[in-house]
Protein backbone atom coordinates (compact mmCIF):
# COMPACT_ATOMS: atom_id res chain seq x y z
CA MET A 1 167.78 107.89 68.13
CA ILE A 2 168.91 111.45 69.13
CA ALA A 3 166.40 113.40 70.62
CA ALA A 4 165.46 116.74 72.61
CA LEU A 5 163.85 115.32 75.66
CA TYR A 6 161.85 117.73 78.14
CA THR A 7 161.13 116.58 81.76
CA GLN A 8 158.60 118.52 83.50
CA GLY A 9 160.13 120.48 86.35
CA LYS A 10 163.78 119.02 85.43
CA GLY A 11 164.45 120.71 82.25
CA LEU A 12 166.03 119.89 78.85
CA ARG A 13 168.33 117.35 77.79
CA PHE A 14 169.75 115.53 74.79
CA GLY A 15 170.26 111.99 74.02
CA ASP A 16 169.21 108.77 73.12
CA ALA A 17 165.69 107.87 73.05
CA PRO A 18 164.21 104.40 71.71
CA ALA A 19 162.78 103.89 68.37
CA PRO A 20 158.72 104.14 68.82
CA VAL A 21 156.75 100.92 68.22
CA ILE A 22 153.62 101.38 66.17
CA GLY A 23 150.28 99.40 66.36
CA ASP A 24 148.18 97.96 63.39
CA ASP A 25 146.43 101.44 62.96
CA GLU A 26 149.42 103.93 62.96
CA LEU A 27 152.22 105.07 61.06
CA LEU A 28 156.04 105.55 61.72
CA VAL A 29 157.13 108.82 60.14
CA ARG A 30 160.79 109.46 59.44
CA VAL A 31 161.64 113.23 59.99
CA GLU A 32 162.96 115.05 56.99
CA GLY A 33 162.53 118.87 58.58
CA THR A 34 161.10 120.01 61.87
CA ALA A 35 161.27 123.45 63.22
CA ILE A 36 161.78 124.88 66.66
CA CYS A 37 158.56 127.13 67.99
CA GLY A 38 157.96 129.53 70.37
CA THR A 39 155.84 127.05 72.35
CA ASP A 40 159.26 124.71 72.70
CA VAL A 41 161.26 127.60 74.09
CA LYS A 42 158.27 128.60 76.43
CA ILE A 43 158.34 125.00 77.69
CA VAL A 44 161.72 124.65 78.41
CA HIS A 45 161.48 127.71 80.33
CA HIS A 46 158.33 127.29 81.91
CA GLY A 47 156.72 123.65 81.36
CA HIS A 48 153.39 123.09 80.16
CA ARG A 49 150.14 122.83 81.93
CA LYS A 50 149.20 119.58 79.90
CA LEU A 51 152.30 117.72 81.40
CA ARG A 52 152.51 115.85 84.54
CA ASP A 53 155.36 116.77 87.17
CA GLY A 54 158.23 114.19 85.87
CA GLN A 55 156.59 113.44 82.64
CA THR A 56 159.48 113.33 79.88
CA ILE A 57 158.48 113.76 76.16
CA ILE A 58 160.16 114.41 72.99
CA LEU A 59 159.66 118.11 71.92
CA GLY A 60 158.75 119.23 68.36
CA HIS A 61 155.53 119.94 66.65
CA GLU A 62 156.32 121.48 63.32
CA PHE A 63 157.28 118.53 61.04
CA VAL A 64 157.10 116.83 57.66
CA GLY A 65 158.77 113.34 56.91
CA VAL A 66 158.31 110.31 54.77
CA ILE A 67 156.44 107.27 56.01
CA GLU A 68 158.80 104.64 57.31
CA ARG A 69 156.19 102.08 57.86
CA ALA A 70 152.27 101.91 57.87
CA GLY A 71 150.28 99.43 60.26
CA ALA A 72 148.75 96.54 58.61
CA ARG A 73 145.48 97.94 59.20
CA VAL A 74 146.11 101.47 57.53
CA ALA A 75 144.28 102.12 54.22
CA GLY A 76 145.59 104.97 52.00
CA TRP A 77 148.97 105.32 52.92
CA ARG A 78 152.26 103.53 52.13
CA ALA A 79 156.04 103.33 52.97
CA GLY A 80 158.08 106.20 50.80
CA GLN A 81 155.30 108.67 50.97
CA ARG A 82 156.32 112.20 51.94
CA VAL A 83 153.85 113.80 54.40
CA GLY A 84 153.12 116.64 56.66
CA VAL A 85 151.49 116.52 59.92
CA ALA A 86 149.33 119.03 61.61
CA PRO A 87 149.83 118.60 65.45
CA ASN A 88 146.36 118.87 67.51
CA MET A 89 144.42 116.03 67.89
CA GLY A 90 140.94 116.63 69.47
CA CYS A 91 139.19 113.86 71.51
CA GLY A 92 137.01 113.26 68.28
CA HIS A 93 133.54 113.44 69.89
CA CYS A 94 132.83 117.02 71.27
CA GLU A 95 131.56 120.01 69.41
CA MET A 96 134.59 121.34 68.36
CA CYS A 97 135.95 118.15 67.11
CA ALA A 98 132.70 117.47 65.17
CA ARG A 99 133.39 120.85 63.41
CA GLY A 100 136.86 119.92 62.47
CA LEU A 101 138.39 122.10 65.12
CA GLY A 102 140.93 119.78 67.16
CA ASN A 103 142.93 122.83 67.82
CA MET A 104 140.04 123.90 69.99
CA CYS A 105 138.95 120.76 71.69
CA PRO A 106 138.71 121.15 75.32
CA ASP A 107 140.77 117.54 75.59
CA TYR A 108 143.43 118.21 72.72
CA SER A 109 146.56 116.21 72.72
CA ALA A 110 149.50 117.35 70.46
CA PHE A 111 152.94 116.26 69.46
CA GLY A 112 155.76 117.73 71.26
CA ILE A 113 153.25 119.06 73.94
CA ASP A 114 151.99 116.10 75.88
CA ARG A 115 153.14 113.19 73.70
CA ASP A 116 156.57 112.48 71.85
CA GLY A 117 157.20 114.99 68.98
CA SER A 118 159.63 115.70 66.14
CA HIS A 119 162.75 116.82 67.51
CA THR A 120 163.99 113.35 66.91
CA GLU A 121 164.49 110.84 63.76
CA LEU A 122 161.21 108.68 64.19
CA VAL A 123 157.60 109.91 65.15
CA ARG A 124 154.54 107.60 65.96
CA ILE A 125 151.48 108.84 64.34
CA PRO A 126 148.37 107.52 66.46
CA ALA A 127 145.35 106.36 64.66
CA ALA A 128 143.52 109.41 66.13
CA ALA A 129 145.69 111.70 63.88
CA LEU A 130 144.78 109.75 60.73
CA ALA A 131 141.20 109.52 61.76
CA GLN A 132 140.99 113.39 61.99
CA ASN A 133 142.83 114.06 58.70
CA LEU A 134 145.83 115.68 60.40
CA VAL A 135 148.39 113.53 57.94
CA THR A 136 148.64 115.49 54.51
CA PRO A 137 150.42 114.14 51.31
CA LEU A 138 153.38 116.81 50.94
CA PRO A 139 152.97 118.63 47.72
CA ALA A 140 155.69 117.91 44.97
CA GLY A 141 158.96 120.22 45.48
CA ILE A 142 158.37 121.67 48.89
CA GLN A 143 161.88 121.13 50.61
CA PRO A 144 161.94 119.80 53.88
CA GLN A 145 162.86 123.40 55.87
CA ASP A 146 160.12 124.76 54.19
CA GLY A 147 157.37 122.12 54.58
CA ALA A 148 158.45 122.43 58.23
CA LEU A 149 157.14 126.00 58.43
CA ALA A 150 153.75 124.94 57.43
CA GLU A 151 152.54 124.44 60.93
CA PRO A 152 153.28 128.03 62.10
CA LEU A 153 151.85 129.23 58.63
CA SER A 154 148.82 127.44 59.37
CA CYS A 155 148.48 129.44 62.53
CA ALA A 156 148.50 132.54 60.57
CA VAL A 157 145.80 131.10 58.36
CA ASN A 158 143.84 131.15 61.06
CA GLY A 159 144.32 134.39 62.55
CA ILE A 160 143.98 136.10 58.95
CA ARG A 161 140.54 134.38 58.67
CA ASN A 162 139.50 135.40 62.02
CA ALA A 163 140.55 138.88 61.23
CA ARG A 164 138.72 138.91 58.02
CA VAL A 165 141.38 140.58 55.95
CA ALA A 166 139.86 141.37 52.98
CA SER A 167 141.27 143.20 49.42
CA GLY A 168 142.01 146.97 50.15
CA ASP A 169 142.62 146.92 53.71
CA ARG A 170 145.21 148.69 55.57
CA VAL A 171 146.74 146.27 58.28
CA VAL A 172 149.27 146.71 60.80
CA VAL A 173 151.09 143.80 62.35
CA TYR A 174 152.89 144.51 65.72
CA GLY A 175 155.93 142.25 65.76
CA ALA A 176 158.19 141.46 63.11
CA GLY A 177 159.49 138.09 64.67
CA PRO A 178 158.70 134.87 62.32
CA MET A 179 155.13 134.99 63.32
CA GLY A 180 154.73 138.57 62.76
CA LEU A 181 156.33 138.20 59.21
CA LEU A 182 154.12 134.94 58.16
CA ASN A 183 151.06 137.07 59.08
CA MET A 184 152.13 140.04 57.14
CA MET A 185 153.11 138.14 53.93
CA LEU A 186 149.64 136.38 54.47
CA ALA A 187 147.69 139.60 54.86
CA ALA A 188 149.23 140.87 51.46
CA VAL A 189 148.46 137.72 49.71
CA SER A 190 144.63 138.05 50.82
CA GLY A 191 144.54 141.48 49.29
CA ALA A 192 145.58 144.01 51.52
CA ALA A 193 146.40 147.32 50.01
CA GLU A 194 149.04 148.10 52.82
CA VAL A 195 150.76 146.23 55.48
CA ILE A 196 152.55 148.06 57.77
CA ALA A 197 155.02 146.04 60.08
CA VAL A 198 155.95 147.59 63.76
CA ASP A 199 158.97 146.37 65.84
CA ILE A 200 161.63 147.95 67.96
CA ASP A 201 164.57 145.91 65.92
CA ASP A 202 165.78 147.60 62.82
CA ALA A 203 167.27 144.54 61.60
CA ARG A 204 163.78 142.58 61.58
CA LEU A 205 161.81 145.94 60.11
CA LYS A 206 164.41 145.79 57.17
CA LEU A 207 163.53 142.03 56.78
CA ALA A 208 159.81 143.03 56.77
CA GLU A 209 160.72 145.64 53.82
CA GLN A 210 162.41 143.11 51.78
CA ILE A 211 159.32 140.49 51.91
CA GLY A 212 156.74 143.35 51.24
CA ALA A 213 155.67 145.38 54.20
CA THR A 214 154.56 148.95 52.60
CA ALA A 215 156.13 150.78 55.38
CA THR A 216 157.76 149.96 58.81
CA ILE A 217 157.85 151.71 62.26
CA ASN A 218 160.25 151.52 64.78
CA SER A 219 158.03 152.21 67.80
CA LYS A 220 160.95 153.14 70.10
CA ARG A 221 161.41 156.10 67.88
CA GLN A 222 158.24 157.05 66.81
CA PRO A 223 154.63 156.45 68.34
CA VAL A 224 152.52 154.07 66.21
CA PRO A 225 149.51 156.23 66.84
CA GLN A 226 150.89 159.46 65.92
CA TRP A 227 152.04 157.57 62.59
CA VAL A 228 148.93 155.78 61.99
CA ALA A 229 146.99 159.31 62.24
CA GLU A 230 149.21 161.03 59.92
CA HIS A 231 149.20 158.47 57.35
CA THR A 232 145.53 157.58 57.04
CA ARG A 233 144.65 161.66 57.90
CA GLY A 234 142.93 160.40 60.80
CA ARG A 235 140.92 157.66 59.75
CA GLY A 236 142.78 154.52 61.17
CA VAL A 237 143.69 151.27 59.77
CA ASP A 238 141.19 148.14 59.18
CA VAL A 239 142.96 145.41 60.95
CA VAL A 240 145.55 145.04 63.27
CA ILE A 241 147.60 141.75 64.21
CA CYS A 242 149.12 141.55 67.63
CA ALA A 243 151.91 139.05 67.07
CA VAL A 244 153.78 139.97 70.37
CA PRO A 245 152.90 139.42 73.96
CA VAL A 246 152.64 142.87 75.15
CA PRO A 247 149.50 143.83 76.88
CA GLN A 248 149.87 147.41 76.41
CA LEU A 249 149.94 147.00 72.98
CA GLN A 250 146.38 145.55 72.84
CA GLN A 251 145.04 148.77 73.99
CA GLU A 252 147.27 150.76 71.56
CA ALA A 253 145.80 148.67 68.96
CA LEU A 254 142.16 149.75 69.73
CA GLY A 255 143.02 153.27 69.41
CA ILE A 256 144.50 153.03 65.90
CA LEU A 257 141.47 151.18 64.32
CA ALA A 258 139.12 152.82 61.61
CA PRO A 259 135.37 152.32 62.24
CA PHE A 260 134.47 148.70 62.00
CA GLY A 261 138.04 147.75 62.46
CA ARG A 262 139.21 144.27 63.45
CA LEU A 263 141.92 143.20 66.28
CA CYS A 264 143.32 139.84 66.27
CA LEU A 265 145.25 138.76 69.49
CA PHE A 266 147.59 136.71 67.83
CA ALA A 267 149.89 136.18 70.83
CA GLY A 268 148.70 135.13 74.26
CA TRP A 269 150.17 136.71 77.49
CA PRO A 270 152.91 134.69 79.26
CA LYS A 271 151.37 132.92 82.50
CA GLY A 272 151.61 135.52 85.52
CA ALA A 273 151.89 138.55 83.16
CA ALA A 274 150.25 141.93 84.51
CA GLY A 275 147.61 143.09 82.38
CA VAL A 276 146.37 146.62 81.64
CA PRO A 277 143.17 148.02 82.02
CA LEU A 278 141.29 147.95 79.06
CA ASP A 279 139.00 150.70 77.70
CA THR A 280 136.17 149.15 75.83
CA ASN A 281 134.67 152.52 74.57
CA PRO A 282 136.62 152.27 71.38
CA ILE A 283 134.95 149.01 70.68
CA HIS A 284 131.54 150.16 71.32
CA TYR A 285 131.60 153.27 69.57
CA LYS A 286 133.51 152.22 66.77
CA ASN A 287 131.80 149.33 65.89
CA LEU A 288 134.93 147.10 66.68
CA VAL A 289 135.52 143.57 66.49
CA VAL A 290 138.04 141.95 68.76
CA THR A 291 139.10 138.28 68.06
CA GLY A 292 141.80 135.93 68.88
CA MET A 293 143.30 132.56 67.53
CA THR A 294 145.26 129.49 68.93
CA GLY A 295 146.76 127.03 66.93
CA GLY A 296 145.46 125.93 63.41
CA CYS A 297 142.97 123.24 62.28
CA ALA A 298 143.47 120.25 59.66
CA SER A 299 142.28 122.40 56.91
CA ASP A 300 144.34 125.38 57.89
CA TYR A 301 147.23 123.05 57.59
CA ALA A 302 146.39 121.73 54.20
CA THR A 303 145.99 125.34 53.22
CA ALA A 304 149.19 126.37 54.29
CA LEU A 305 150.98 123.49 52.48
CA ARG A 306 149.25 124.74 49.45
CA LEU A 307 150.63 128.27 50.06
CA ILE A 308 154.05 127.17 50.19
CA ALA A 309 153.71 124.78 47.28
CA GLU A 310 152.33 127.52 44.92
CA ARG A 311 155.10 129.85 46.32
CA LYS A 312 152.49 132.63 47.49
CA ILE A 313 154.40 132.69 50.74
CA ASN A 314 158.11 132.65 51.11
CA VAL A 315 158.56 130.98 54.57
CA ALA A 316 162.42 130.66 53.99
CA ALA A 317 162.39 134.30 54.49
CA VAL A 318 161.68 133.99 58.39
CA VAL A 319 164.62 130.99 58.52
CA SER A 320 167.66 132.21 60.36
CA ASP A 321 169.23 128.80 60.72
CA VAL A 322 169.28 125.45 59.57
CA PHE A 323 171.03 122.65 61.45
CA PRO A 324 171.14 118.83 60.63
CA LEU A 325 169.16 116.84 63.30
CA SER A 326 172.71 115.38 64.75
CA ARG A 327 173.16 118.97 66.01
CA VAL A 328 169.86 119.49 67.84
CA GLU A 329 171.75 120.68 70.95
CA GLU A 330 173.27 123.64 69.00
CA ALA A 331 169.88 124.32 67.17
CA TYR A 332 168.52 124.72 70.82
CA ALA A 333 171.38 126.71 72.05
CA ALA A 334 170.45 129.26 68.85
CA ALA A 335 166.74 129.03 69.42
CA LEU A 336 166.93 129.53 73.13
CA SER A 337 169.16 132.73 72.62
CA GLY A 338 166.43 134.60 71.67
CA LYS A 339 168.41 136.57 68.80
CA ARG A 340 167.60 134.38 65.86
CA MET A 341 164.55 133.94 63.91
CA LYS A 342 163.30 130.63 63.04
CA VAL A 343 165.46 127.63 63.51
CA VAL A 344 165.00 124.68 61.80
CA LEU A 345 166.35 120.81 61.83
CA VAL A 346 167.00 118.67 58.77
CA ALA A 347 167.52 114.99 58.33
CA GLU A 348 171.30 114.49 56.86
CA ALA A 349 169.73 112.72 54.02
CA ALA A 350 167.55 115.66 53.39
CA ARG A 351 170.13 118.39 53.25
């Protein structure tokens, strides 16, 4: 079967991979739709800390599909069911796993990270994923290219919850890439009165306006603190989501928050990036809350699927390219160019 294969220390190649063999407690899922994530791009360029030198995996962790075969001891699932799969498996016995937060497990494993993922035709779903409720029935009517966006949307669900976005809030989102736009749309659904998108790309800001931004700022042309001060008459905004890995913006974000404001550090810094001194006085004197997020848990994923099924979040708006799986190499070329939004692969039969 065709696959995007990454070898730690050697890079990316495209070729045939053997079809996975499942055990009696496992599922075999045929991929219908799968997206290329920024994490996939980072792995191609820099590798991943969870991979051993020389280890080869199939990339891809954002996917939906149809059950091709269920193991003899698997109950509640059958061939032909359409499913979504949350990617992060915890160890199953630590404090975080006991709380249903496999994404926070210190010994987590994930599809396309340290085990074979979804940029191929068939994926083996281990017993641990079933035990941790990572497999979810796909609601009727969800198209494969939309369902593939449930995983990134689940990350936004996690971030928006941590930032406690509430009715009437003014929210600034730094970054109008796919993740920034998902956060922006979700903030609006969560009741925000205003959602302001910040970027340096006019085309992305135009898209933000089309899908619900109440205002946009090109920070190359206008300083964000000045705009916020004028727009809010010096009060500041209630929430800032930093969806770009730029350390300097984190300091800037603290300065535009109103008293009791919340800052969510949605994007982590690249490894080795130089930080900036952080003035913590605004946190102290304005009673600010600074939080972060990483990934999403099984319940976040289920919420994301529901939001897509109910058409509350237009995930298709952040997709720039859809390729058949047979053209996976072209899809990666588009994603690695850095000039596209979300790139999605779909099975030939699902097109």
